[in-house]
Protein backbone atom coordinates (compact mmCIF):
# COMPACT_ATOMS: atom_id res chain seq x y z
CA PHE A 1 0.00 0.00 0.00
CA SER A 2 1.14 3.58 -0.50
CA SER A 3 1.38 3.94 3.30
CA GLY A 4 4.04 1.25 3.41
CA TYR A 5 1.66 -1.30 4.93
CA ARG A 6 1.89 -4.66 3.15
CA TYR A 7 0.47 -8.12 3.20
CA LYS A 8 2.76 -11.12 3.53
CA PHE A 9 1.57 -14.67 3.15
CA GLY A 10 3.05 -17.81 4.61
CA HIS A 11 2.17 -21.36 5.51
CA CYS A 12 3.19 -24.17 7.83
CA VAL A 13 3.70 -27.58 6.26
CA GLU A 14 6.12 -29.03 8.78
CA ARG A 15 5.81 -28.77 12.57
CA ASP A 16 8.71 -26.30 12.86
CA ASP A 17 7.65 -24.06 9.96
CA TRP A 18 6.39 -21.46 12.45
CA GLN A 19 10.06 -20.49 12.78
CA GLN A 20 9.96 -18.77 9.38
CA PHE A 21 7.86 -16.07 11.06
CA GLN A 22 10.25 -15.62 13.98
CA GLY A 23 11.27 -11.99 14.32
CA TRP A 24 8.47 -10.62 12.16
CA ARG A 25 6.43 -7.66 13.32
CA MET A 26 2.78 -8.02 12.39
CA THR A 27 -0.23 -5.95 13.29
CA PHE A 28 -2.76 -8.36 11.80
CA LEU A 29 -2.50 -12.13 11.76
CA CYS A 30 -5.13 -14.08 9.89
CA VAL A 31 -5.06 -17.88 10.01
CA ASP A 32 -7.26 -20.00 7.79
CA GLU A 33 -8.23 -23.54 8.81
CA LEU A 34 -6.74 -23.28 12.28
CA PRO A 35 -7.45 -26.95 13.13
CA GLN A 36 -4.77 -27.88 10.59
CA PHE A 37 -2.17 -26.09 12.73
CA GLU A 38 -0.45 -27.39 15.81
CA GLU A 39 -1.31 -25.40 18.93
CA HIS A 40 2.34 -24.45 19.40
CA GLN A 41 2.53 -23.16 15.80
CA TYR A 42 -0.41 -20.84 16.42
CA SER A 43 0.95 -19.70 19.79
CA MET A 44 4.41 -18.97 18.46
CA ILE A 45 3.23 -17.12 15.34
CA LYS A 46 0.88 -15.02 17.52
CA ALA A 47 3.93 -13.92 19.51
CA TRP A 48 5.04 -11.81 16.53
CA VAL A 49 1.88 -9.69 16.51
CA ARG A 50 3.59 -6.61 17.88
CA THR A 51 4.58 -3.08 16.99
CA SER A 52 6.25 -0.06 18.50
CA ASP A 53 4.22 2.30 16.30
CA PRO A 54 1.62 4.07 18.48
CA VAL A 55 -0.92 4.24 15.63
CA LEU A 56 -0.56 0.59 14.61
CA ARG A 57 -0.58 -0.55 18.25
CA THR A 58 -4.33 0.10 18.42
CA MET A 59 -4.89 -1.97 15.27
CA LYS A 60 -3.25 -5.24 16.38
CA LYS A 61 -5.53 -8.19 15.73
CA VAL A 62 -5.46 -11.95 15.45
CA ARG A 63 -8.21 -13.67 13.51
CA ALA A 64 -8.41 -17.40 13.03
CA MET A 65 -11.02 -19.32 11.11
CA GLY A 66 -11.64 -22.98 10.67
CA ASN A 67 -14.15 -25.72 10.22
CA PRO A 68 -14.74 -28.37 12.84
CA LEU A 69 -12.46 -31.33 12.30
CA VAL A 70 -14.33 -34.02 10.42
CA LYS A 71 -11.76 -36.77 9.84
CA ARG A 72 -8.33 -37.11 8.37
CA GLU A 73 -7.68 -39.98 6.03
CA LYS A 74 -4.42 -41.81 5.46
CA GLY A 75 -2.38 -40.25 2.71
CA GLN A 76 -3.38 -36.67 3.44
CA ASP A 77 -0.35 -34.42 3.60
CA PHE A 78 -0.92 -33.07 7.10
CA SER A 79 -1.54 -34.39 10.56
CA VAL A 80 -1.91 -32.67 13.88
CA SER A 81 -0.82 -34.28 17.13
CA ASP A 82 -3.84 -32.92 19.05
CA PRO A 83 -6.73 -32.36 16.64
CA TRP A 84 -9.11 -31.08 19.35
CA TRP A 85 -7.02 -28.19 20.73
CA VAL A 86 -9.00 -25.55 18.77
CA ARG A 87 -12.28 -26.80 20.22
CA ARG A 88 -10.86 -26.79 23.77
CA TYR A 89 -9.34 -23.32 23.40
CA PHE A 90 -12.18 -21.49 21.64
CA VAL A 91 -15.40 -23.51 21.83
CA ASP A 92 -15.43 -25.40 25.15
CA PRO A 93 -15.29 -22.27 27.38
CA GLU A 94 -18.43 -20.83 25.67
CA PRO A 95 -20.02 -23.48 23.39
CA ASN A 96 -22.73 -21.08 22.19
CA GLY A 97 -20.10 -18.48 21.40
CA ARG A 98 -20.47 -14.72 21.11
CA LYS A 99 -19.21 -14.15 24.68
CA THR A 100 -15.82 -12.68 25.41
CA ILE A 101 -13.50 -15.04 27.27
CA ARG A 102 -11.26 -13.00 29.56
CA ARG A 103 -7.95 -14.00 31.11
CA ILE A 104 -5.93 -11.83 33.46
CA ILE A 105 -2.21 -11.79 32.71
CA LYS A 106 0.21 -10.87 35.49
CA MET A 107 3.00 -8.67 34.14
CA GLY A 108 6.61 -8.70 35.28
CA ASP A 109 6.14 -5.44 37.18
CA GLY A 110 3.22 -6.88 39.19
CA THR A 111 0.47 -5.11 37.26
CA THR A 112 -2.18 -7.04 35.38
CA ARG A 113 -3.53 -6.84 31.86
CA GLU A 114 -6.48 -8.51 30.26
CA HIS A 115 -6.26 -10.93 27.34
CA THR A 116 -9.50 -11.68 25.49
CA ARG A 117 -10.67 -14.10 22.87
CA ILE A 118 -14.06 -14.98 21.46
CA TYR A 119 -15.60 -17.85 19.55
CA LEU A 120 -17.97 -16.70 16.81
CA PRO A 121 -19.86 -19.71 15.51
CA ALA A 122 -20.70 -19.84 11.82
CA ARG A 123 -23.18 -21.93 9.94
CA LEU A 124 -23.89 -22.35 6.26
CA SER A 125 -27.19 -20.54 6.88
CA ASP A 126 -25.22 -17.42 7.92
CA ASN A 127 -23.95 -16.89 4.38
CA PRO A 128 -25.96 -14.07 2.78
CA ASP A 129 -25.67 -15.52 -0.74
CA ALA A 130 -28.74 -17.72 -1.23
CA GLN A 131 -27.39 -19.38 -4.38
CA PHE A 132 -24.09 -20.23 -2.67
CA ARG A 133 -25.99 -21.70 0.30
CA ALA A 134 -28.16 -23.84 -1.97
CA ASP A 135 -25.26 -25.08 -4.10
CA HIS A 136 -23.05 -25.87 -1.12
CA GLU A 137 -25.87 -27.48 0.86
CA LYS A 138 -26.54 -29.81 -2.07
CA THR A 139 -22.89 -30.89 -1.95
CA LEU A 140 -22.79 -31.26 1.83
CA ARG A 141 -26.05 -33.25 2.02
CA SER A 142 -24.32 -36.08 0.13
CA LEU A 143 -21.75 -36.48 2.92
CA PRO A 144 -22.08 -38.53 6.13
CA LYS A 145 -24.34 -36.99 8.79
CA HIS A 146 -21.51 -36.10 11.19
CA ILE A 147 -19.76 -34.16 8.43
CA GLN A 148 -23.02 -32.41 7.53
CA LYS A 149 -23.43 -31.36 11.18
CA ALA A 150 -19.86 -30.11 11.35
CA LEU A 151 -19.80 -28.19 8.08
CA MET A 152 -23.41 -26.99 7.82
CA ASP A 153 -24.17 -26.35 11.47
CA GLY A 154 -20.66 -25.57 12.74
CA ASP A 155 -20.99 -28.43 15.23
CA TRP A 156 -17.60 -28.83 16.93
CA TYR A 157 -18.89 -31.84 18.90
CA SER A 158 -19.81 -33.98 15.91
CA VAL A 159 -17.13 -36.64 16.07
CA ALA A 160 -15.99 -38.74 13.15
CA GLY A 161 -15.57 -42.38 14.07
CA ALA A 162 -17.98 -42.29 17.00
CA HIS A 163 -20.29 -45.30 17.25
CA TYR A 164 -23.32 -43.40 15.92
CA SER A 165 -21.51 -40.75 13.88
CA GLU A 166 -23.04 -41.88 10.60
CA PHE A 167 -26.67 -41.54 11.73
């Protein structure tokens, strides 16, 4: 941008790929398909959301999106050691979402600061494009019921491989 602000894109294929971001200064971190990341990758990359610029300091943000984990098959090119960490971190504290989760952080000087996060559930029905909803619903309705619940309803508790997951 003419202001000097720029977008940089990266990815993590291997477990230690978060290190490519080490030392960066970011004011906005956007992660797509967070469940495909290791928790430590997300935590370490978030550590580089920082700035000494007083204007940019007020604009620091971390946004992460993802679909509930449905099932990984052999031969896929990624695996995560703990596939449920996203659900525990974002969903379990407030399963209905839309409530700020607050954590008090004790600073080195004895003062405290607040860290917040929020889970904003999303469903196919939230998409404002009626044609997109209809087309995608048609595709999703052909999948097993637990995948339909995960991807249409944003159900983070629909578990692939459970005894009744197919019904």
